[in-house]
PDB file of N, CA and C in Angstrom:
ATOM      1  N   MET A   1     -29.942 -12.228  80.863  1.00  0.00           N
ATOM      2  CA  MET A   1     -30.806 -12.334  79.696  1.00  0.00           C
ATOM      3  C   MET A   1     -31.065 -10.931  79.167  1.00  0.00           C
ATOM      4  N   ASN A   2     -30.778 -10.703  77.919  1.00  0.00           N
ATOM      5  CA  ASN A   2     -30.945  -9.389  77.306  1.00  0.00           C
ATOM      6  C   ASN A   2     -32.251  -9.237  76.548  1.00  0.00           C
ATOM      7  N   ARG A   3     -32.974 -10.295  76.367  1.00  0.00           N
ATOM      8  CA  ARG A   3     -34.174 -10.260  75.543  1.00  0.00           C
ATOM      9  C   ARG A   3     -35.362 -10.792  76.342  1.00  0.00           C
ATOM     10  N   TRP A   4     -36.475 -10.102  76.263  1.00  0.00           N
ATOM     11  CA  TRP A   4     -37.702 -10.589  76.881  1.00  0.00           C
ATOM     12  C   TRP A   4     -38.437 -11.448  75.861  1.00  0.00           C
ATOM     13  N   TYR A   5     -39.023 -12.506  76.336  1.00  0.00           N
ATOM     14  CA  TYR A   5     -39.788 -13.405  75.478  1.00  0.00           C
ATOM     15  C   TYR A   5     -41.257 -13.255  75.856  1.00  0.00           C
ATOM     16  N   THR A   6     -42.106 -13.016  74.870  1.00  0.00           N
ATOM     17  CA  THR A   6     -43.512 -12.747  75.136  1.00  0.00           C
ATOM     18  C   THR A   6     -44.404 -13.633  74.276  1.00  0.00           C
ATOM     19  N   ARG A   7     -45.483 -14.120  74.883  1.00  0.00           N
ATOM     20  CA  ARG A   7     -46.545 -14.811  74.148  1.00  0.00           C
ATOM     21  C   ARG A   7     -47.869 -14.256  74.641  1.00  0.00           C
ATOM     22  N   ALA A   8     -48.748 -13.945  73.725  1.00  0.00           N
ATOM     23  CA  ALA A   8     -50.084 -13.469  74.104  1.00  0.00           C
ATOM     24  C   ALA A   8     -50.955 -14.655  74.495  1.00  0.00           C
ATOM     25  N   ILE A   9     -51.752 -14.465  75.548  1.00  0.00           N
ATOM     26  CA  ILE A   9     -52.765 -15.450  75.920  1.00  0.00           C
ATOM     27  C   ILE A   9     -54.076 -14.970  75.325  1.00  0.00           C
ATOM     28  N   VAL A  10     -54.684 -15.825  74.533  1.00  0.00           N
ATOM     29  CA  VAL A  10     -55.944 -15.493  73.864  1.00  0.00           C
ATOM     30  C   VAL A  10     -57.039 -16.352  74.485  1.00  0.00           C
ATOM     31  N   PRO A  11     -57.902 -15.754  75.313  1.00  0.00           N
ATOM     32  CA  PRO A  11     -58.975 -16.523  75.949  1.00  0.00           C
ATOM     33  C   PRO A  11     -60.057 -16.906  74.932  1.00  0.00           C
ATOM     34  N   VAL A  12     -60.366 -18.184  74.873  1.00  0.00           N
ATOM     35  CA  VAL A  12     -61.332 -18.706  73.906  1.00  0.00           C
ATOM     36  C   VAL A  12     -62.319 -19.632  74.602  1.00  0.00           C
ATOM     37  N   ALA A  13     -63.434 -19.904  73.940  1.00  0.00           N
ATOM     38  CA  ALA A  13     -64.442 -20.805  74.496  1.00  0.00           C
ATOM     39  C   ALA A  13     -64.060 -22.271  74.280  1.00  0.00           C
ATOM     40  N   ASP A  14     -63.539 -22.574  73.100  1.00  0.00           N
ATOM     41  CA  ASP A  14     -63.225 -23.953  72.739  1.00  0.00           C
ATOM     42  C   ASP A  14     -61.858 -23.969  72.062  1.00  0.00           C
ATOM     43  N   VAL A  15     -60.871 -24.524  72.728  1.00  0.00           N
ATOM     44  CA  VAL A  15     -59.491 -24.491  72.226  1.00  0.00           C
ATOM     45  C   VAL A  15     -59.380 -25.240  70.897  1.00  0.00           C
ATOM     46  N   HIS A  16     -60.002 -26.411  70.793  1.00  0.00           N
ATOM     47  CA  HIS A  16     -59.911 -27.182  69.551  1.00  0.00           C
ATOM     48  C   HIS A  16     -60.449 -26.374  68.366  1.00  0.00           C
ATOM     49  N   GLN A  17     -61.633 -25.794  68.516  1.00  0.00           N
ATOM     50  CA  GLN A  17     -62.214 -24.991  67.428  1.00  0.00           C
ATOM     51  C   GLN A  17     -61.326 -23.794  67.097  1.00  0.00           C
ATOM     52  N   SER A  18     -60.711 -23.208  68.098  1.00  0.00           N
ATOM     53  CA  SER A  18     -59.826 -22.070  67.867  1.00  0.00           C
ATOM     54  C   SER A  18     -58.571 -22.485  67.107  1.00  0.00           C
ATOM     55  N   VAL A  19     -58.012 -23.639  67.429  1.00  0.00           N
ATOM     56  CA  VAL A  19     -56.847 -24.146  66.691  1.00  0.00           C
ATOM     57  C   VAL A  19     -57.208 -24.307  65.212  1.00  0.00           C
ATOM     58  N   VAL A  20     -58.394 -24.817  64.940  1.00  0.00           N
ATOM     59  CA  VAL A  20     -58.848 -24.979  63.551  1.00  0.00           C
ATOM     60  C   VAL A  20     -58.951 -23.615  62.863  1.00  0.00           C
ATOM     61  N   PHE A  21     -59.511 -22.617  63.553  1.00  0.00           N
ATOM     62  CA  PHE A  21     -59.613 -21.274  62.967  1.00  0.00           C
ATOM     63  C   PHE A  21     -58.227 -20.683  62.697  1.00  0.00           C
ATOM     64  N   TYR A  22     -57.344 -20.739  63.677  1.00  0.00           N
ATOM     65  CA  TYR A  22     -56.021 -20.141  63.506  1.00  0.00           C
ATOM     66  C   TYR A  22     -55.204 -20.866  62.427  1.00  0.00           C
ATOM     67  N   ALA A  23     -55.502 -22.138  62.176  1.00  0.00           N
ATOM     68  CA  ALA A  23     -54.864 -22.852  61.064  1.00  0.00           C
ATOM     69  C   ALA A  23     -55.245 -22.209  59.733  1.00  0.00           C
ATOM     70  N   ARG A  24     -56.468 -21.680  59.637  1.00  0.00           N
ATOM     71  CA  ARG A  24     -56.889 -20.963  58.415  1.00  0.00           C
ATOM     72  C   ARG A  24     -56.101 -19.676  58.228  1.00  0.00           C
ATOM     73  N   LEU A  25     -55.502 -19.173  59.312  1.00  0.00           N
ATOM     74  CA  LEU A  25     -54.640 -17.987  59.236  1.00  0.00           C
ATOM     75  C   LEU A  25     -53.181 -18.371  59.003  1.00  0.00           C
ATOM     76  N   GLY A  26     -52.921 -19.652  58.825  1.00  0.00           N
ATOM     77  CA  GLY A  26     -51.562 -20.114  58.573  1.00  0.00           C
ATOM     78  C   GLY A  26     -50.759 -20.456  59.813  1.00  0.00           C
ATOM     79  N   PHE A  27     -51.404 -20.476  60.976  1.00  0.00           N
ATOM     80  CA  PHE A  27     -50.724 -20.847  62.215  1.00  0.00           C
ATOM     81  C   PHE A  27     -50.687 -22.368  62.319  1.00  0.00           C
ATOM     82  N   GLY A  28     -49.584 -22.886  62.815  1.00  0.00           N
ATOM     83  CA  GLY A  28     -49.479 -24.307  63.089  1.00  0.00           C
ATOM     84  C   GLY A  28     -49.569 -24.544  64.582  1.00  0.00           C
ATOM     85  N   GLU A  29     -50.059 -25.705  64.955  1.00  0.00           N
ATOM     86  CA  GLU A  29     -50.145 -26.049  66.380  1.00  0.00           C
ATOM     87  C   GLU A  29     -48.793 -26.574  66.850  1.00  0.00           C
ATOM     88  N   ASP A  30     -48.251 -25.961  67.907  1.00  0.00           N
ATOM     89  CA  ASP A  30     -46.956 -26.360  68.452  1.00  0.00           C
ATOM     90  C   ASP A  30     -47.095 -27.426  69.539  1.00  0.00           C
ATOM     91  N   TRP A  31     -48.050 -27.237  70.411  1.00  0.00           N
ATOM     92  CA  TRP A  31     -48.292 -28.186  71.491  1.00  0.00           C
ATOM     93  C   TRP A  31     -49.678 -27.939  72.066  1.00  0.00           C
ATOM     94  N   ARG A  32     -50.143 -28.903  72.856  1.00  0.00           N
ATOM     95  CA  ARG A  32     -51.454 -28.791  73.515  1.00  0.00           C
ATOM     96  C   ARG A  32     -51.374 -29.375  74.914  1.00  0.00           C
ATOM     97  N   HIS A  33     -52.259 -28.877  75.783  1.00  0.00           N
ATOM     98  CA  HIS A  33     -52.317 -29.375  77.157  1.00  0.00           C
ATOM     99  C   HIS A  33     -53.761 -29.754  77.491  1.00  0.00           C
ATOM    100  N   PRO A  34     -54.059 -31.050  77.423  1.00  0.00           N
ATOM    101  CA  PRO A  34     -55.387 -31.499  77.857  1.00  0.00           C
ATOM    102  C   PRO A  34     -55.357 -31.863  79.337  1.00  0.00           C
ATOM    103  N   GLU A  35     -56.494 -31.750  79.968  1.00  0.00           N
ATOM    104  CA  GLU A  35     -56.642 -32.189  81.354  1.00  0.00           C
ATOM    105  C   GLU A  35     -57.984 -32.891  81.442  1.00  0.00           C
ATOM    106  N   ALA A  36     -57.967 -34.075  82.035  1.00  0.00           N
ATOM    107  CA  ALA A  36     -59.150 -34.935  82.021  1.00  0.00           C
ATOM    108  C   ALA A  36     -59.492 -35.156  80.553  1.00  0.00           C
ATOM    109  N   SER A  37     -60.665 -34.807  80.112  1.00  0.00           N
ATOM    110  CA  SER A  37     -61.022 -34.993  78.699  1.00  0.00           C
ATOM    111  C   SER A  37     -61.161 -33.653  77.970  1.00  0.00           C
ATOM    112  N   GLN A  38     -60.668 -32.582  78.561  1.00  0.00           N
ATOM    113  CA  GLN A  38     -60.822 -31.250  77.965  1.00  0.00           C
ATOM    114  C   GLN A  38     -59.465 -30.687  77.541  1.00  0.00           C
ATOM    115  N   LEU A  39     -59.449 -30.101  76.350  1.00  0.00           N
ATOM    116  CA  LEU A  39     -58.260 -29.412  75.876  1.00  0.00           C
ATOM    117  C   LEU A  39     -58.272 -28.015  76.486  1.00  0.00           C
ATOM    118  N   LEU A  40     -57.328 -27.734  77.391  1.00  0.00           N
ATOM    119  CA  LEU A  40     -57.309 -26.462  78.125  1.00  0.00           C
ATOM    120  C   LEU A  40     -56.495 -25.374  77.434  1.00  0.00           C
ATOM    121  N   VAL A  41     -55.340 -25.754  76.867  1.00  0.00           N
ATOM    122  CA  VAL A  41     -54.432 -24.781  76.274  1.00  0.00           C
ATOM    123  C   VAL A  41     -53.767 -25.407  75.058  1.00  0.00           C
ATOM    124  N   ALA A  42     -53.552 -24.595  74.032  1.00  0.00           N
ATOM    125  CA  ALA A  42     -52.730 -25.005  72.893  1.00  0.00           C
ATOM    126  C   ALA A  42     -51.952 -23.780  72.436  1.00  0.00           C
ATOM    127  N   GLN A  43     -50.737 -24.023  71.997  1.00  0.00           N
ATOM    128  CA  GLN A  43     -49.961 -22.927  71.411  1.00  0.00           C
ATOM    129  C   GLN A  43     -49.963 -23.093  69.902  1.00  0.00           C
ATOM    130  N   VAL A  44     -50.243 -21.967  69.215  1.00  0.00           N
ATOM    131  CA  VAL A  44     -50.135 -21.922  67.758  1.00  0.00           C
ATOM    132  C   VAL A  44     -49.100 -20.859  67.409  1.00  0.00           C
ATOM    133  N   SER A  45     -48.448 -21.039  66.265  1.00  0.00           N
ATOM    134  CA  SER A  45     -47.446 -20.046  65.875  1.00  0.00           C
ATOM    135  C   SER A  45     -47.351 -19.940  64.364  1.00  0.00           C
ATOM    136  N   ARG A  46     -46.870 -18.780  63.968  1.00  0.00           N
ATOM    137  CA  ARG A  46     -46.575 -18.509  62.565  1.00  0.00           C
ATOM    138  C   ARG A  46     -45.438 -17.502  62.524  1.00  0.00           C
ATOM    139  N   GLN A  47     -44.340 -17.877  61.914  1.00  0.00           N
ATOM    140  CA  GLN A  47     -43.199 -16.995  61.694  1.00  0.00           C
ATOM    141  C   GLN A  47     -42.786 -16.230  62.962  1.00  0.00           C
ATOM    142  N   GLY A  48     -42.697 -16.926  64.078  1.00  0.00           N
ATOM    143  CA  GLY A  48     -42.251 -16.312  65.325  1.00  0.00           C
ATOM    144  C   GLY A  48     -43.354 -15.679  66.154  1.00  0.00           C
ATOM    145  N   CYS A  49     -44.562 -15.590  65.627  1.00  0.00           N
ATOM    146  CA  CYS A  49     -45.710 -15.066  66.385  1.00  0.00           C
ATOM    147  C   CYS A  49     -46.366 -16.248  67.085  1.00  0.00           C
ATOM    148  N   GLU A  50     -46.272 -16.287  68.406  1.00  0.00           N
ATOM    149  CA  GLU A  50     -46.832 -17.384  69.188  1.00  0.00           C
ATOM    150  C   GLU A  50     -48.034 -16.902  69.998  1.00  0.00           C
ATOM    151  N   LEU A  51     -49.103 -17.668  69.939  1.00  0.00           N
ATOM    152  CA  LEU A  51     -50.318 -17.354  70.692  1.00  0.00           C
ATOM    153  C   LEU A  51     -50.702 -18.562  71.533  1.00  0.00           C
ATOM    154  N   LEU A  52     -51.052 -18.313  72.788  1.00  0.00           N
ATOM    155  CA  LEU A  52     -51.561 -19.354  73.671  1.00  0.00           C
ATOM    156  C   LEU A  52     -53.084 -19.252  73.688  1.00  0.00           C
ATOM    157  N   LEU A  53     -53.744 -20.261  73.193  1.00  0.00           N
ATOM    158  CA  LEU A  53     -55.206 -20.306  73.171  1.00  0.00           C
ATOM    159  C   LEU A  53     -55.647 -21.058  74.414  1.00  0.00           C
ATOM    160  N   SER A  54     -56.446 -20.425  75.263  1.00  0.00           N
ATOM    161  CA  SER A  54     -56.822 -21.024  76.543  1.00  0.00           C
ATOM    162  C   SER A  54     -58.304 -20.813  76.844  1.00  0.00           C
ATOM    163  N   CYS A  55     -58.929 -21.871  77.351  1.00  0.00           N
ATOM    164  CA  CYS A  55     -60.338 -21.766  77.768  1.00  0.00           C
ATOM    165  C   CYS A  55     -60.451 -21.637  79.282  1.00  0.00           C
ATOM    166  N   GLN A  56     -59.364 -21.328  79.964  1.00  0.00           N
ATOM    167  CA  GLN A  56     -59.342 -21.299  81.426  1.00  0.00           C
ATOM    168  C   GLN A  56     -59.887 -20.008  82.034  1.00  0.00           C
ATOM    169  N   TRP A  57     -60.138 -18.981  81.237  1.00  0.00           N
ATOM    170  CA  TRP A  57     -60.703 -17.723  81.731  1.00  0.00           C
ATOM    171  C   TRP A  57     -61.931 -17.380  80.890  1.00  0.00           C
ATOM    172  N   PRO A  58     -63.038 -18.089  81.099  1.00  0.00           N
ATOM    173  CA  PRO A  58     -64.215 -17.905  80.240  1.00  0.00           C
ATOM    174  C   PRO A  58     -64.775 -16.482  80.241  1.00  0.00           C
ATOM    175  N   THR A  59     -64.623 -15.744  81.331  1.00  0.00           N
ATOM    176  CA  THR A  59     -65.168 -14.377  81.356  1.00  0.00           C
ATOM    177  C   THR A  59     -64.314 -13.406  80.547  1.00  0.00           C
ATOM    178  N   ARG A  60     -63.114 -13.809  80.167  1.00  0.00           N
ATOM    179  CA  ARG A  60     -62.226 -12.934  79.390  1.00  0.00           C
ATOM    180  C   ARG A  60     -62.262 -13.209  77.894  1.00  0.00           C
ATOM    181  N   LYS A  61     -62.948 -14.284  77.470  1.00  0.00           N
ATOM    182  CA  LYS A  61     -62.940 -14.611  76.044  1.00  0.00           C
ATOM    183  C   LYS A  61     -63.528 -13.460  75.230  1.00  0.00           C
ATOM    184  N   GLY A  62     -62.919 -13.263  74.078  1.00  0.00           N
ATOM    185  CA  GLY A  62     -63.408 -12.231  73.175  1.00  0.00           C
ATOM    186  C   GLY A  62     -62.884 -10.840  73.453  1.00  0.00           C
ATOM    187  N   HIS A  63     -61.999 -10.670  74.426  1.00  0.00           N
ATOM    188  CA  HIS A  63     -61.510  -9.341  74.788  1.00  0.00           C
ATOM    189  C   HIS A  63     -60.039  -9.117  74.422  1.00  0.00           C
ATOM    190  N   SER A  64     -59.420 -10.089  73.777  1.00  0.00           N
ATOM    191  CA  SER A  64     -57.994  -9.990  73.455  1.00  0.00           C
ATOM    192  C   SER A  64     -57.769  -9.143  72.202  1.00  0.00           C
ATOM    193  N   LEU A  65     -56.775  -8.272  72.270  1.00  0.00           N
ATOM    194  CA  LEU A  65     -56.304  -7.500  71.114  1.00  0.00           C
ATOM    195  C   LEU A  65     -54.826  -7.836  70.947  1.00  0.00           C
ATOM    196  N   THR A  66     -54.448  -8.321  69.779  1.00  0.00           N
ATOM    197  CA  THR A  66     -53.060  -8.666  69.515  1.00  0.00           C
ATOM    198  C   THR A  66     -52.596  -7.881  68.303  1.00  0.00           C
ATOM    199  N   PHE A  67     -51.531  -7.119  68.476  1.00  0.00           N
ATOM    200  CA  PHE A  67     -50.975  -6.249  67.442  1.00  0.00           C
ATOM    201  C   PHE A  67     -49.841  -7.011  66.765  1.00  0.00           C
ATOM    202  N   ILE A  68     -49.949  -7.235  65.449  1.00  0.00           N
ATOM    203  CA  ILE A  68     -48.964  -8.016  64.712  1.00  0.00           C
ATOM    204  C   ILE A  68     -48.413  -7.173  63.572  1.00  0.00           C
ATOM    205  N   SER A  69     -47.128  -6.876  63.627  1.00  0.00           N
ATOM    206  CA  SER A  69     -46.488  -6.087  62.579  1.00  0.00           C
ATOM    207  C   SER A  69     -45.893  -7.003  61.522  1.00  0.00           C
ATOM    208  N   LEU A  70     -46.148  -6.665  60.272  1.00  0.00           N
ATOM    209  CA  LEU A  70     -45.592  -7.388  59.134  1.00  0.00           C
ATOM    210  C   LEU A  70     -44.714  -6.441  58.332  1.00  0.00           C
ATOM    211  N   ASP A  71     -43.843  -7.007  57.521  1.00  0.00           N
ATOM    212  CA  ASP A  71     -43.081  -6.176  56.599  1.00  0.00           C
ATOM    213  C   ASP A  71     -44.058  -5.553  55.604  1.00  0.00           C
ATOM    214  N   ASP A  72     -43.753  -4.350  55.137  1.00  0.00           N
ATOM    215  CA  ASP A  72     -44.653  -3.629  54.235  1.00  0.00           C
ATOM    216  C   ASP A  72     -45.039  -4.443  53.005  1.00  0.00           C
ATOM    217  N   ASP A  73     -44.100  -5.227  52.495  1.00  0.00           N
ATOM    218  CA  ASP A  73     -44.386  -5.978  51.272  1.00  0.00           C
ATOM    219  C   ASP A  73     -45.169  -7.266  51.532  1.00  0.00           C
ATOM    220  N   GLU A  74     -45.488  -7.577  52.779  1.00  0.00           N
ATOM    221  CA  GLU A  74     -46.210  -8.812  53.123  1.00  0.00           C
ATOM    222  C   GLU A  74     -47.701  -8.631  53.340  1.00  0.00           C
ATOM    223  N   ILE A  75     -48.138  -7.481  53.773  1.00  0.00           N
ATOM    224  CA  ILE A  75     -49.503  -7.357  54.273  1.00  0.00           C
ATOM    225  C   ILE A  75     -50.568  -7.629  53.208  1.00  0.00           C
ATOM    226  N   ASP A  76     -50.345  -7.186  51.982  1.00  0.00           N
ATOM    227  CA  ASP A  76     -51.334  -7.450  50.927  1.00  0.00           C
ATOM    228  C   ASP A  76     -51.434  -8.942  50.631  1.00  0.00           C
ATOM    229  N   ALA A  77     -50.293  -9.630  50.594  1.00  0.00           N
ATOM    230  CA  ALA A  77     -50.293 -11.068  50.335  1.00  0.00           C
ATOM    231  C   ALA A  77     -50.952 -11.830  51.482  1.00  0.00           C
ATOM    232  N   VAL A  78     -50.697 -11.410  52.711  1.00  0.00           N
ATOM    233  CA  VAL A  78     -51.309 -12.065  53.870  1.00  0.00           C
ATOM    234  C   VAL A  78     -52.818 -11.854  53.856  1.00  0.00           C
ATOM    235  N   ARG A  79     -53.242 -10.649  53.538  1.00  0.00           N
ATOM    236  CA  ARG A  79     -54.682 -10.382  53.458  1.00  0.00           C
ATOM    237  C   ARG A  79     -55.338 -11.275  52.400  1.00  0.00           C
ATOM    238  N   ALA A  80     -54.716 -11.372  51.234  1.00  0.00           N
ATOM    239  CA  ALA A  80     -55.255 -12.214  50.167  1.00  0.00           C
ATOM    240  C   ALA A  80     -55.301 -13.680  50.605  1.00  0.00           C
ATOM    241  N   GLU A  81     -54.282 -14.135  51.308  1.00  0.00           N
ATOM    242  CA  GLU A  81     -54.244 -15.509  51.820  1.00  0.00           C
ATOM    243  C   GLU A  81     -55.401 -15.750  52.787  1.00  0.00           C
ATOM    244  N   PHE A  82     -55.604 -14.843  53.735  1.00  0.00           N
ATOM    245  CA  PHE A  82     -56.698 -14.986  54.693  1.00  0.00           C
ATOM    246  C   PHE A  82     -58.038 -15.068  53.960  1.00  0.00           C
ATOM    247  N   GLU A  83     -58.243 -14.157  53.025  1.00  0.00           N
ATOM    248  CA  GLU A  83     -59.520 -14.119  52.300  1.00  0.00           C
ATOM    249  C   GLU A  83     -59.726 -15.383  51.465  1.00  0.00           C
ATOM    250  N   ARG A  84     -58.664 -15.900  50.837  1.00  0.00           N
ATOM    251  CA  ARG A  84     -58.751 -17.168  50.093  1.00  0.00           C
ATOM    252  C   ARG A  84     -59.166 -18.314  51.009  1.00  0.00           C
ATOM    253  N   ASN A  85     -58.744 -18.240  52.272  1.00  0.00           N
ATOM    254  CA  ASN A  85     -59.071 -19.279  53.248  1.00  0.00           C
ATOM    255  C   ASN A  85     -60.411 -19.046  53.941  1.00  0.00           C
ATOM    256  N   GLY A  86     -61.184 -18.093  53.431  1.00  0.00           N
ATOM    257  CA  GLY A  86     -62.523 -17.857  53.953  1.00  0.00           C
ATOM    258  C   GLY A  86     -62.589 -17.067  55.235  1.00  0.00           C
ATOM    259  N   VAL A  87     -61.500 -16.356  55.566  1.00  0.00           N
ATOM    260  CA  VAL A  87     -61.467 -15.551  56.786  1.00  0.00           C
ATOM    261  C   VAL A  87     -61.918 -14.133  56.450  1.00  0.00           C
ATOM    262  N   GLU A  88     -62.862 -13.617  57.229  1.00  0.00           N
ATOM    263  CA  GLU A  88     -63.317 -12.242  57.024  1.00  0.00           C
ATOM    264  C   GLU A  88     -62.248 -11.264  57.504  1.00  0.00           C
ATOM    265  N   VAL A  89     -61.916 -10.333  56.638  1.00  0.00           N
ATOM    266  CA  VAL A  89     -60.923  -9.308  56.946  1.00  0.00           C
ATOM    267  C   VAL A  89     -61.605  -7.963  56.776  1.00  0.00           C
ATOM    268  N   ARG A  90     -61.378  -7.063  57.715  1.00  0.00           N
ATOM    269  CA  ARG A  90     -61.951  -5.723  57.564  1.00  0.00           C
ATOM    270  C   ARG A  90     -60.891  -4.678  57.835  1.00  0.00           C
ATOM    271  N   ASP A  91     -61.177  -3.482  57.372  1.00  0.00           N
ATOM    272  CA  ASP A  91     -60.271  -2.361  57.593  1.00  0.00           C
ATOM    273  C   ASP A  91     -60.656  -1.652  58.872  1.00  0.00           C
ATOM    274  N   GLY A  92     -59.660  -1.095  59.528  1.00  0.00           N
ATOM    275  CA  GLY A  92     -59.887  -0.330  60.739  1.00  0.00           C
ATOM    276  C   GLY A  92     -58.891   0.807  60.814  1.00  0.00           C
ATOM    277  N   HIS A  93     -58.946   1.515  61.911  1.00  0.00           N
ATOM    278  CA  HIS A  93     -58.071   2.672  62.074  1.00  0.00           C
ATOM    279  C   HIS A  93     -57.731   2.819  63.556  1.00  0.00           C
ATOM    280  N   TRP A  94     -56.477   3.066  63.843  1.00  0.00           N
ATOM    281  CA  TRP A  94     -56.012   3.325  65.210  1.00  0.00           C
ATOM    282  C   TRP A  94     -54.868   4.328  65.109  1.00  0.00           C
ATOM    283  N   GLY A  95     -55.188   5.507  64.623  1.00  0.00           N
ATOM    284  CA  GLY A  95     -54.167   6.510  64.336  1.00  0.00           C
ATOM    285  C   GLY A  95     -53.552   6.291  62.972  1.00  0.00           C
ATOM    286  N   TYR A  96     -53.770   5.141  62.404  1.00  0.00           N
ATOM    287  CA  TYR A  96     -53.330   4.763  61.062  1.00  0.00           C
ATOM    288  C   TYR A  96     -54.170   3.564  60.636  1.00  0.00           C
ATOM    289  N   ARG A  97     -54.080   3.231  59.383  1.00  0.00           N
ATOM    290  CA  ARG A  97     -54.902   2.174  58.804  1.00  0.00           C
ATOM    291  C   ARG A  97     -54.455   0.794  59.307  1.00  0.00           C
ATOM    292  N   LEU A  98     -55.449  -0.061  59.611  1.00  0.00           N
ATOM    293  CA  LEU A  98     -55.208  -1.426  60.089  1.00  0.00           C
ATOM    294  C   LEU A  98     -56.005  -2.428  59.266  1.00  0.00           C
ATOM    295  N   MET A  99     -55.506  -3.630  59.214  1.00  0.00           N
ATOM    296  CA  MET A  99     -56.272  -4.786  58.766  1.00  0.00           C
ATOM    297  C   MET A  99     -56.680  -5.509  60.051  1.00  0.00           C
ATOM    298  N   ILE A 100     -57.953  -5.860  60.190  1.00  0.00           N
ATOM    299  CA  ILE A 100     -58.450  -6.498  61.405  1.00  0.00           C
ATOM    300  C   ILE A 100     -59.056  -7.859  61.070  1.00  0.00           C
ATOM    301  N   VAL A 101     -58.638  -8.862  61.836  1.00  0.00           N
ATOM    302  CA  VAL A 101     -59.210 -10.203  61.758  1.00  0.00           C
ATOM    303  C   VAL A 101     -59.752 -10.524  63.143  1.00  0.00           C
ATOM    304  N   GLU A 102     -60.980 -11.026  63.169  1.00  0.00           N
ATOM    305  CA  GLU A 102     -61.611 -11.377  64.438  1.00  0.00           C
ATOM    306  C   GLU A 102     -61.832 -12.882  64.482  1.00  0.00           C
ATOM    307  N   ASP A 103     -61.418 -13.507  65.573  1.00  0.00           N
ATOM    308  CA  ASP A 103     -61.625 -14.954  65.686  1.00  0.00           C
ATOM    309  C   ASP A 103     -63.072 -15.235  66.109  1.00  0.00           C
ATOM    310  N   PRO A 104     -63.495 -16.490  66.120  1.00  0.00           N
ATOM    311  CA  PRO A 104     -64.891 -16.812  66.438  1.00  0.00           C
ATOM    312  C   PRO A 104     -65.369 -16.323  67.807  1.00  0.00           C
ATOM    313  N   ASP A 105     -64.446 -16.066  68.737  1.00  0.00           N
ATOM    314  CA  ASP A 105     -64.824 -15.577  70.059  1.00  0.00           C
ATOM    315  C   ASP A 105     -64.839 -14.061  70.160  1.00  0.00           C
ATOM    316  N   GLY A 106     -64.395 -13.367  69.114  1.00  0.00           N
ATOM    317  CA  GLY A 106     -64.354 -11.907  69.137  1.00  0.00           C
ATOM    318  C   GLY A 106     -62.984 -11.323  69.435  1.00  0.00           C
ATOM    319  N   ASN A 107     -61.979 -12.158  69.673  1.00  0.00           N
ATOM    320  CA  ASN A 107     -60.618 -11.660  69.858  1.00  0.00           C
ATOM    321  C   ASN A 107     -60.120 -11.097  68.528  1.00  0.00           C
ATOM    322  N   GLN A 108     -59.384 -10.002  68.594  1.00  0.00           N
ATOM    323  CA  GLN A 108     -58.956  -9.340  67.367  1.00  0.00           C
ATOM    324  C   GLN A 108     -57.450  -9.371  67.173  1.00  0.00           C
ATOM    325  N   LEU A 109     -57.063  -9.616  65.920  1.00  0.00           N
ATOM    326  CA  LEU A 109     -55.680  -9.481  65.488  1.00  0.00           C
ATOM    327  C   LEU A 109     -55.617  -8.206  64.657  1.00  0.00           C
ATOM    328  N   LEU A 110     -54.728  -7.305  65.022  1.00  0.00           N
ATOM    329  CA  LEU A 110     -54.609  -6.004  64.359  1.00  0.00           C
ATOM    330  C   LEU A 110     -53.289  -5.963  63.600  1.00  0.00           C
ATOM    331  N   PHE A 111     -53.366  -5.742  62.304  1.00  0.00           N
ATOM    332  CA  PHE A 111     -52.184  -5.691  61.445  1.00  0.00           C
ATOM    333  C   PHE A 111     -52.084  -4.279  60.863  1.00  0.00           C
ATOM    334  N   PRO A 112     -51.077  -3.495  61.244  1.00  0.00           N
ATOM    335  CA  PRO A 112     -50.970  -2.130  60.726  1.00  0.00           C
ATOM    336  C   PRO A 112     -50.411  -2.109  59.302  1.00  0.00           C
ATOM    337  N   TYR A 113     -50.993  -1.229  58.486  1.00  0.00           N
ATOM    338  CA  TYR A 113     -50.422  -0.942  57.176  1.00  0.00           C
ATOM    339  C   TYR A 113     -49.294   0.058  57.365  1.00  0.00           C
ATOM    340  N   SER A 114     -48.422   0.121  56.406  1.00  0.00           N
ATOM    341  CA  SER A 114     -47.328   1.085  56.435  1.00  0.00           C
ATOM    342  C   SER A 114     -47.884   2.494  56.600  1.00  0.00           C
ATOM    343  N   GLN A 115     -47.182   3.320  57.350  1.00  0.00           N
ATOM    344  CA  GLN A 115     -47.600   4.724  57.540  1.00  0.00           C
ATOM    345  C   GLN A 115     -47.733   5.432  56.194  1.00  0.00           C
ATOM    346  N   ALA A 116     -46.929   5.062  55.235  1.00  0.00           N
ATOM    347  CA  ALA A 116     -46.969   5.698  53.917  1.00  0.00           C
ATOM    348  C   ALA A 116     -48.258   5.370  53.179  1.00  0.00           C
ATOM    349  N   ARG A 117     -48.930   4.278  53.572  1.00  0.00           N
ATOM    350  CA  ARG A 117     -50.161   3.862  52.896  1.00  0.00           C
ATOM    351  C   ARG A 117     -51.409   4.332  53.636  1.00  0.00           C
ATOM    352  N   SER A 118     -51.249   4.999  54.750  1.00  0.00           N
ATOM    353  CA  SER A 118     -52.419   5.384  55.560  1.00  0.00           C
ATOM    354  C   SER A 118     -53.251   6.445  54.895  1.00  0.00           C
TER     355      SER A 118
END
């Protein structure tokens, strides 16, 4: 195998509520794993970005940082889409300018702007 396959695990309090939030970001639900009457894990994805939303590590919720790179010509449109869907977007900096989206549990998605725009 020449390629590593990676999915981020995003610890959340309530998987169902998180799936609803990530749908506002344009993610679709790929699958879910309930146990007893509780939804434990669901995978959401958008354009090859896959996230595993899990309530199995309650002490870790809100501590996830996920770095998502977009093509330079996409970031403004994605930001406008998020804002149209009622998602709060803020600017940040990590050696260069970032767009930051925080989910209801405090997990952050970091989208870097082009170095030329910093």
